Every structure is written in structure tokens, then in C-alpha cells.
Amino acid sequence: MQEAHAYLGPRRPVESAPAVERVAFFRESARIYAAVAEVDRFHHHEALYWATREREHAQAAQLELDRGKGVVPGARHA
């Protein structure tokens, strides 16, 4: 569990980062914590908590994107 925190902590985007960047990070983070929950039975519930928390952050950032608030200034859209 500590290894997941150590890996993800420095990579976590700042709140002002583009929503697309935050969505990608939080989805990956949720996948990592879910994987930890499967192999680290001692930290199973804690890892599930973190996986759920990160999924919720990803969903919130995705909502920003869907509403057009996460658009990167100057970026071109297809």
C-alpha cells in the first residue's frame, strides 16, 4: 500500500491542472489501488477505500470535461 502512495503521490496533478489530465490520473490511480486490494489482503479495505475515492475524483473531473469547464485554453477540439 505504501508503495502505491509513494508512486502516485508525486504524480498527482494540482487542482488547477486540466480536467483531462486529472481524469487520466485518477482513473489510473483507481486501477492501481484496486490491484493492490487484490494482492495485499492486509490492506484490502484501505485499498478499496482509495480506489473508490479516486474513481469519485475521476468522475468529478469527467463532469467538468462534459460541461466544457475542463477545456484547455488554446486547445483545438475535433
PDB file of N, CA and C in Angstrom:
ATOM      1  N   MET A   1       0.824  -1.189   0.000  1.00  0.00           N
ATOM      2  CA  MET A   1       0.000   0.000   0.000  1.00  0.00           C
ATOM      3  C   MET A   1       0.870   1.255   0.000  1.00  0.00           C
ATOM      4  N   GLN A   2       1.909   1.212   0.806  1.00  0.00           N
ATOM      5  CA  GLN A   2       2.797   2.365   0.880  1.00  0.00           C
ATOM      6  C   GLN A   2       3.472   2.636  -0.463  1.00  0.00           C
ATOM      7  N   GLU A   3       3.761   1.562  -1.189  1.00  0.00           N
ATOM      8  CA  GLU A   3       4.396   1.726  -2.498  1.00  0.00           C
ATOM      9  C   GLU A   3       3.458   2.442  -3.471  1.00  0.00           C
ATOM     10  N   ALA A   4       2.175   2.120  -3.401  1.00  0.00           N
ATOM     11  CA  ALA A   4       1.198   2.792  -4.271  1.00  0.00           C
ATOM     12  C   ALA A   4       1.135   4.274  -3.940  1.00  0.00           C
ATOM     13  N   HIS A   5       1.062   4.593  -2.653  1.00  0.00           N
ATOM     14  CA  HIS A   5       1.043   6.007  -2.239  1.00  0.00           C
ATOM     15  C   HIS A   5       2.319   6.720  -2.706  1.00  0.00           C
ATOM     16  N   ALA A   6       3.463   6.058  -2.527  1.00  0.00           N
ATOM     17  CA  ALA A   6       4.738   6.677  -2.903  1.00  0.00           C
ATOM     18  C   ALA A   6       4.828   6.901  -4.406  1.00  0.00           C
ATOM     19  N   TYR A   7       4.285   5.979  -5.177  1.00  0.00           N
ATOM     20  CA  TYR A   7       4.308   6.114  -6.627  1.00  0.00           C
ATOM     21  C   TYR A   7       3.347   7.204  -7.101  1.00  0.00           C
ATOM     22  N   LEU A   8       2.136   7.194  -6.556  1.00  0.00           N
ATOM     23  CA  LEU A   8       1.098   8.102  -7.050  1.00  0.00           C
ATOM     24  C   LEU A   8       1.216   9.523  -6.500  1.00  0.00           C
ATOM     25  N   GLY A   9       1.665   9.659  -5.275  1.00  0.00           N
ATOM     26  CA  GLY A   9       1.730  10.976  -4.638  1.00  0.00           C
ATOM     27  C   GLY A   9       2.405  12.051  -5.476  1.00  0.00           C
ATOM     28  N   PRO A  10       3.624  11.821  -5.913  1.00  0.00           N
ATOM     29  CA  PRO A  10       4.320  12.845  -6.703  1.00  0.00           C
ATOM     30  C   PRO A  10       3.711  13.076  -8.090  1.00  0.00           C
ATOM     31  N   ARG A  11       2.927  12.152  -8.567  1.00  0.00           N
ATOM     32  CA  ARG A  11       2.330  12.266  -9.893  1.00  0.00           C
ATOM     33  C   ARG A  11       0.961  12.940  -9.886  1.00  0.00           C
ATOM     34  N   ARG A  12       0.402  13.098  -8.702  1.00  0.00           N
ATOM     35  CA  ARG A  12      -0.941  13.667  -8.569  1.00  0.00           C
ATOM     36  C   ARG A  12      -0.964  15.088  -9.130  1.00  0.00           C
ATOM     37  N   PRO A  13      -1.865  15.363 -10.061  1.00  0.00           N
ATOM     38  CA  PRO A  13      -1.923  16.714 -10.636  1.00  0.00           C
ATOM     39  C   PRO A  13      -2.494  17.721  -9.638  1.00  0.00           C
ATOM     40  N   VAL A  14      -2.096  18.955  -9.791  1.00  0.00           N
ATOM     41  CA  VAL A  14      -2.641  20.014  -8.952  1.00  0.00           C
ATOM     42  C   VAL A  14      -4.099  20.248  -9.332  1.00  0.00           C
ATOM     43  N   GLU A  15      -4.858  20.842  -8.426  1.00  0.00           N
ATOM     44  CA  GLU A  15      -6.291  21.067  -8.677  1.00  0.00           C
ATOM     45  C   GLU A  15      -6.545  21.901  -9.920  1.00  0.00           C
ATOM     46  N   SER A  16      -5.610  22.787 -10.248  1.00  0.00           N
ATOM     47  CA  SER A  16      -5.800  23.657 -11.405  1.00  0.00           C
ATOM     48  C   SER A  16      -5.358  23.005 -12.718  1.00  0.00           C
ATOM     49  N   ALA A  17      -4.894  21.761 -12.654  1.00  0.00           N
ATOM     50  CA  ALA A  17      -4.486  21.052 -13.876  1.00  0.00           C
ATOM     51  C   ALA A  17      -5.712  20.848 -14.769  1.00  0.00           C
ATOM     52  N   PRO A  18      -5.499  20.740 -16.068  1.00  0.00           N
ATOM     53  CA  PRO A  18      -6.631  20.485 -16.970  1.00  0.00           C
ATOM     54  C   PRO A  18      -7.397  19.234 -16.532  1.00  0.00           C
ATOM     55  N   ALA A  19      -8.703  19.290 -16.674  1.00  0.00           N
ATOM     56  CA  ALA A  19      -9.553  18.183 -16.245  1.00  0.00           C
ATOM     57  C   ALA A  19      -9.164  16.885 -16.942  1.00  0.00           C
ATOM     58  N   VAL A  20      -8.771  16.953 -18.195  1.00  0.00           N
ATOM     59  CA  VAL A  20      -8.400  15.739 -18.923  1.00  0.00           C
ATOM     60  C   VAL A  20      -7.206  15.053 -18.252  1.00  0.00           C
ATOM     61  N   GLU A  21      -6.272  15.856 -17.756  1.00  0.00           N
ATOM     62  CA  GLU A  21      -5.109  15.317 -17.045  1.00  0.00           C
ATOM     63  C   GLU A  21      -5.544  14.680 -15.717  1.00  0.00           C
ATOM     64  N   ARG A  22      -6.444  15.334 -15.013  1.00  0.00           N
ATOM     65  CA  ARG A  22      -6.925  14.811 -13.734  1.00  0.00           C
ATOM     66  C   ARG A  22      -7.733  13.528 -13.926  1.00  0.00           C
ATOM     67  N   VAL A  23      -8.565  13.477 -14.969  1.00  0.00           N
ATOM     68  CA  VAL A  23      -9.340  12.264 -15.249  1.00  0.00           C
ATOM     69  C   VAL A  23      -8.388  11.093 -15.466  1.00  0.00           C
ATOM     70  N   ALA A  24      -7.397  11.282 -16.307  1.00  0.00           N
ATOM     71  CA  ALA A  24      -6.448  10.202 -16.613  1.00  0.00           C
ATOM     72  C   ALA A  24      -5.723   9.741 -15.354  1.00  0.00           C
ATOM     73  N   PHE A  25      -5.258  10.689 -14.549  1.00  0.00           N
ATOM     74  CA  PHE A  25      -4.542  10.322 -13.332  1.00  0.00           C
ATOM     75  C   PHE A  25      -5.438   9.550 -12.375  1.00  0.00           C
ATOM     76  N   PHE A  26      -6.620  10.073 -12.106  1.00  0.00           N
ATOM     77  CA  PHE A  26      -7.480   9.433 -11.109  1.00  0.00           C
ATOM     78  C   PHE A  26      -7.976   8.061 -11.575  1.00  0.00           C
ATOM     79  N   ARG A  27      -8.184   7.884 -12.860  1.00  0.00           N
ATOM     80  CA  ARG A  27      -8.566   6.552 -13.361  1.00  0.00           C
ATOM     81  C   ARG A  27      -7.420   5.564 -13.172  1.00  0.00           C
ATOM     82  N   GLU A  28      -6.228   5.983 -13.507  1.00  0.00           N
ATOM     83  CA  GLU A  28      -5.064   5.118 -13.322  1.00  0.00           C
ATOM     84  C   GLU A  28      -4.838   4.827 -11.832  1.00  0.00           C
ATOM     85  N   SER A  29      -4.980   5.844 -11.023  1.00  0.00           N
ATOM     86  CA  SER A  29      -4.825   5.682  -9.583  1.00  0.00           C
ATOM     87  C   SER A  29      -5.834   4.680  -9.029  1.00  0.00           C
ATOM     88  N   ALA A  30      -7.070   4.768  -9.471  1.00  0.00           N
ATOM     89  CA  ALA A  30      -8.109   3.829  -9.032  1.00  0.00           C
ATOM     90  C   ALA A  30      -7.748   2.410  -9.440  1.00  0.00           C
ATOM     91  N   ARG A  31      -7.223   2.247 -10.662  1.00  0.00           N
ATOM     92  CA  ARG A  31      -6.815   0.908 -11.114  1.00  0.00           C
ATOM     93  C   ARG A  31      -5.695   0.345 -10.242  1.00  0.00           C
ATOM     94  N   ILE A  32      -4.746   1.195  -9.902  1.00  0.00           N
ATOM     95  CA  ILE A  32      -3.616   0.745  -9.081  1.00  0.00           C
ATOM     96  C   ILE A  32      -4.103   0.325  -7.697  1.00  0.00           C
ATOM     97  N   TYR A  33      -4.921   1.144  -7.070  1.00  0.00           N
ATOM     98  CA  TYR A  33      -5.412   0.798  -5.732  1.00  0.00           C
ATOM     99  C   TYR A  33      -6.296  -0.450  -5.759  1.00  0.00           C
ATOM    100  N   ALA A  34      -7.079  -0.622  -6.814  1.00  0.00           N
ATOM    101  CA  ALA A  34      -7.900  -1.836  -6.933  1.00  0.00           C
ATOM    102  C   ALA A  34      -7.005  -3.069  -7.062  1.00  0.00           C
ATOM    103  N   ALA A  35      -5.919  -2.936  -7.795  1.00  0.00           N
ATOM    104  CA  ALA A  35      -4.977  -4.048  -7.932  1.00  0.00           C
ATOM    105  C   ALA A  35      -4.313  -4.362  -6.596  1.00  0.00           C
ATOM    106  N   VAL A  36      -3.959  -3.324  -5.858  1.00  0.00           N
ATOM    107  CA  VAL A  36      -3.368  -3.526  -4.529  1.00  0.00           C
ATOM    108  C   VAL A  36      -4.350  -4.268  -3.630  1.00  0.00           C
ATOM    109  N   ALA A  37      -5.621  -3.911  -3.707  1.00  0.00           N
ATOM    110  CA  ALA A  37      -6.643  -4.571  -2.877  1.00  0.00           C
ATOM    111  C   ALA A  37      -6.699  -6.070  -3.152  1.00  0.00           C
ATOM    112  N   GLU A  38      -6.408  -6.460  -4.382  1.00  0.00           N
ATOM    113  CA  GLU A  38      -6.446  -7.881  -4.743  1.00  0.00           C
ATOM    114  C   GLU A  38      -5.252  -8.667  -4.213  1.00  0.00           C
ATOM    115  N   VAL A  39      -4.101  -8.038  -4.113  1.00  0.00           N
ATOM    116  CA  VAL A  39      -2.888  -8.777  -3.729  1.00  0.00           C
ATOM    117  C   VAL A  39      -2.432  -8.530  -2.298  1.00  0.00           C
ATOM    118  N   ASP A  40      -2.817  -7.420  -1.714  1.00  0.00           N
ATOM    119  CA  ASP A  40      -2.398  -7.084  -0.344  1.00  0.00           C
ATOM    120  C   ASP A  40      -3.598  -7.238   0.577  1.00  0.00           C
ATOM    121  N   ARG A  41      -3.832  -8.452   1.036  1.00  0.00           N
ATOM    122  CA  ARG A  41      -5.021  -8.732   1.842  1.00  0.00           C
ATOM    123  C   ARG A  41      -5.006  -7.985   3.171  1.00  0.00           C
ATOM    124  N   PHE A  42      -3.832  -7.658   3.689  1.00  0.00           N
ATOM    125  CA  PHE A  42      -3.743  -6.930   4.951  1.00  0.00           C
ATOM    126  C   PHE A  42      -4.288  -5.507   4.797  1.00  0.00           C
ATOM    127  N   HIS A  43      -4.120  -4.929   3.609  1.00  0.00           N
ATOM    128  CA  HIS A  43      -4.586  -3.560   3.341  1.00  0.00           C
ATOM    129  C   HIS A  43      -5.782  -3.544   2.385  1.00  0.00           C
ATOM    130  N   HIS A  44      -6.460  -4.659   2.271  1.00  0.00           N
ATOM    131  CA  HIS A  44      -7.553  -4.813   1.317  1.00  0.00           C
ATOM    132  C   HIS A  44      -8.597  -3.700   1.430  1.00  0.00           C
ATOM    133  N   HIS A  45      -9.128  -3.482   2.616  1.00  0.00           N
ATOM    134  CA  HIS A  45     -10.194  -2.489   2.784  1.00  0.00           C
ATOM    135  C   HIS A  45      -9.691  -1.063   2.578  1.00  0.00           C
ATOM    136  N   GLU A  46      -8.497  -0.789   3.028  1.00  0.00           N
ATOM    137  CA  GLU A  46      -7.921   0.536   2.819  1.00  0.00           C
ATOM    138  C   GLU A  46      -7.722   0.803   1.327  1.00  0.00           C
ATOM    139  N   ALA A  47      -7.219  -0.188   0.603  1.00  0.00           N
ATOM    140  CA  ALA A  47      -7.001  -0.024  -0.834  1.00  0.00           C
ATOM    141  C   ALA A  47      -8.330   0.143  -1.572  1.00  0.00           C
ATOM    142  N   LEU A  48      -9.348  -0.586  -1.143  1.00  0.00           N
ATOM    143  CA  LEU A  48     -10.674  -0.408  -1.754  1.00  0.00           C
ATOM    144  C   LEU A  48     -11.208   0.994  -1.505  1.00  0.00           C
ATOM    145  N   TYR A  49     -10.983   1.513  -0.299  1.00  0.00           N
ATOM    146  CA  TYR A  49     -11.386   2.890   0.001  1.00  0.00           C
ATOM    147  C   TYR A  49     -10.718   3.849  -0.983  1.00  0.00           C
ATOM    148  N   TRP A  50      -9.406   3.709  -1.145  1.00  0.00           N
ATOM    149  CA  TRP A  50      -8.676   4.613  -2.030  1.00  0.00           C
ATOM    150  C   TRP A  50      -9.109   4.456  -3.481  1.00  0.00           C
ATOM    151  N   ALA A  51      -9.374   3.238  -3.903  1.00  0.00           N
ATOM    152  CA  ALA A  51      -9.834   3.022  -5.280  1.00  0.00           C
ATOM    153  C   ALA A  51     -11.164   3.735  -5.508  1.00  0.00           C
ATOM    154  N   THR A  52     -12.072   3.611  -4.553  1.00  0.00           N
ATOM    155  CA  THR A  52     -13.370   4.272  -4.660  1.00  0.00           C
ATOM    156  C   THR A  52     -13.206   5.788  -4.660  1.00  0.00           C
ATOM    157  N   ARG A  53     -12.381   6.277  -3.773  1.00  0.00           N
ATOM    158  CA  ARG A  53     -12.132   7.720  -3.673  1.00  0.00           C
ATOM    159  C   ARG A  53     -11.585   8.269  -4.986  1.00  0.00           C
ATOM    160  N   GLU A  54     -10.632   7.566  -5.569  1.00  0.00           N
ATOM    161  CA  GLU A  54     -10.030   8.035  -6.811  1.00  0.00           C
ATOM    162  C   GLU A  54     -11.024   7.960  -7.968  1.00  0.00           C
ATOM    163  N   ARG A  55     -11.879   6.930  -7.988  1.00  0.00           N
ATOM    164  CA  ARG A  55     -12.924   6.857  -9.019  1.00  0.00           C
ATOM    165  C   ARG A  55     -13.857   8.055  -8.915  1.00  0.00           C
ATOM    166  N   GLU A  56     -14.194   8.436  -7.689  1.00  0.00           N
ATOM    167  CA  GLU A  56     -15.077   9.589  -7.491  1.00  0.00           C
ATOM    168  C   GLU A  56     -14.421  10.870  -7.984  1.00  0.00           C
ATOM    169  N   HIS A  57     -13.122  11.019  -7.741  1.00  0.00           N
ATOM    170  CA  HIS A  57     -12.397  12.189  -8.248  1.00  0.00           C
ATOM    171  C   HIS A  57     -12.381  12.178  -9.782  1.00  0.00           C
ATOM    172  N   ALA A  58     -12.193  11.011 -10.367  1.00  0.00           N
ATOM    173  CA  ALA A  58     -12.201  10.901 -11.830  1.00  0.00           C
ATOM    174  C   ALA A  58     -13.565  11.287 -12.383  1.00  0.00           C
ATOM    175  N   GLN A  59     -14.623  10.831 -11.742  1.00  0.00           N
ATOM    176  CA  GLN A  59     -15.973  11.166 -12.194  1.00  0.00           C
ATOM    177  C   GLN A  59     -16.230  12.663 -12.109  1.00  0.00           C
ATOM    178  N   ALA A  60     -15.779  13.292 -11.042  1.00  0.00           N
ATOM    179  CA  ALA A  60     -15.975  14.737 -10.893  1.00  0.00           C
ATOM    180  C   ALA A  60     -15.224  15.498 -11.982  1.00  0.00           C
ATOM    181  N   ALA A  61     -13.992  15.084 -12.262  1.00  0.00           N
ATOM    182  CA  ALA A  61     -13.218  15.746 -13.320  1.00  0.00           C
ATOM    183  C   ALA A  61     -13.849  15.488 -14.686  1.00  0.00           C
ATOM    184  N   GLN A  62     -14.384  14.286 -14.884  1.00  0.00           N
ATOM    185  CA  GLN A  62     -15.056  13.979 -16.153  1.00  0.00           C
ATOM    186  C   GLN A  62     -16.287  14.860 -16.336  1.00  0.00           C
ATOM    187  N   LEU A  63     -17.012  15.124 -15.260  1.00  0.00           N
ATOM    188  CA  LEU A  63     -18.166  16.027 -15.336  1.00  0.00           C
ATOM    189  C   LEU A  63     -17.736  17.420 -15.783  1.00  0.00           C
ATOM    190  N   GLU A  64     -16.598  17.876 -15.274  1.00  0.00           N
ATOM    191  CA  GLU A  64     -16.077  19.173 -15.710  1.00  0.00           C
ATOM    192  C   GLU A  64     -15.829  19.161 -17.216  1.00  0.00           C
ATOM    193  N   LEU A  65     -15.224  18.087 -17.690  1.00  0.00           N
ATOM    194  CA  LEU A  65     -14.972  17.973 -19.131  1.00  0.00           C
ATOM    195  C   LEU A  65     -16.277  17.972 -19.908  1.00  0.00           C
ATOM    196  N   ASP A  66     -17.230  17.194 -19.431  1.00  0.00           N
ATOM    197  CA  ASP A  66     -18.512  17.092 -20.121  1.00  0.00           C
ATOM    198  C   ASP A  66     -19.248  18.425 -20.164  1.00  0.00           C
ATOM    199  N   ARG A  67     -19.038  19.243 -19.173  1.00  0.00           N
ATOM    200  CA  ARG A  67     -19.686  20.564 -19.119  1.00  0.00           C
ATOM    201  C   ARG A  67     -18.863  21.640 -19.810  1.00  0.00           C
ATOM    202  N   GLY A  68     -17.698  21.253 -20.309  1.00  0.00           N
ATOM    203  CA  GLY A  68     -16.854  22.216 -21.003  1.00  0.00           C
ATOM    204  C   GLY A  68     -15.997  23.073 -20.102  1.00  0.00           C
ATOM    205  N   LYS A  69     -15.956  22.750 -18.799  1.00  0.00           N
ATOM    206  CA  LYS A  69     -15.155  23.551 -17.877  1.00  0.00           C
ATOM    207  C   LYS A  69     -13.706  23.099 -17.820  1.00  0.00           C
ATOM    208  N   GLY A  70     -13.437  21.914 -18.344  1.00  0.00           N
ATOM    209  CA  GLY A  70     -12.082  21.391 -18.279  1.00  0.00           C
ATOM    210  C   GLY A  70     -11.313  21.585 -19.559  1.00  0.00           C
ATOM    211  N   VAL A  71     -11.789  22.480 -20.390  1.00  0.00           N
ATOM    212  CA  VAL A  71     -11.152  22.719 -21.674  1.00  0.00           C
ATOM    213  C   VAL A  71      -9.843  23.467 -21.460  1.00  0.00           C
ATOM    214  N   VAL A  72      -8.810  22.981 -22.108  1.00  0.00           N
ATOM    215  CA  VAL A  72      -7.510  23.626 -22.013  1.00  0.00           C
ATOM    216  C   VAL A  72      -7.524  24.833 -22.935  1.00  0.00           C
ATOM    217  N   PRO A  73      -7.224  26.028 -22.404  1.00  0.00           N
ATOM    218  CA  PRO A  73      -7.225  27.219 -23.248  1.00  0.00           C
ATOM    219  C   PRO A  73      -6.288  27.063 -24.437  1.00  0.00           C
ATOM    220  N   GLY A  74      -6.759  27.418 -25.607  1.00  0.00           N
ATOM    221  CA  GLY A  74      -5.952  27.339 -26.816  1.00  0.00           C
ATOM    222  C   GLY A  74      -5.924  25.959 -27.466  1.00  0.00           C
ATOM    223  N   ALA A  75      -6.520  24.971 -26.817  1.00  0.00           N
ATOM    224  CA  ALA A  75      -6.508  23.622 -27.395  1.00  0.00           C
ATOM    225  C   ALA A  75      -7.543  23.536 -28.517  1.00  0.00           C
ATOM    226  N   ARG A  76      -7.222  22.764 -29.496  1.00  0.00           N
ATOM    227  CA  ARG A  76      -8.147  22.570 -30.607  1.00  0.00           C
ATOM    228  C   ARG A  76      -8.974  21.331 -30.342  1.00  0.00           C
ATOM    229  N   HIS A  77     -10.237  21.398 -30.699  1.00  0.00           N
ATOM    230  CA  HIS A  77     -11.146  20.280 -30.479  1.00  0.00           C
ATOM    231  C   HIS A  77     -11.576  19.728 -31.822  1.00  0.00           C
ATOM    232  N   ALA A  78     -11.677  18.417 -31.896  1.00  0.00           N
ATOM    233  CA  ALA A  78     -12.066  17.776 -33.150  1.00  0.00           C
ATOM    234  C   ALA A  78     -13.532  17.965 -33.439  1.00  0.00           C
TER     235      ALA A  78
END
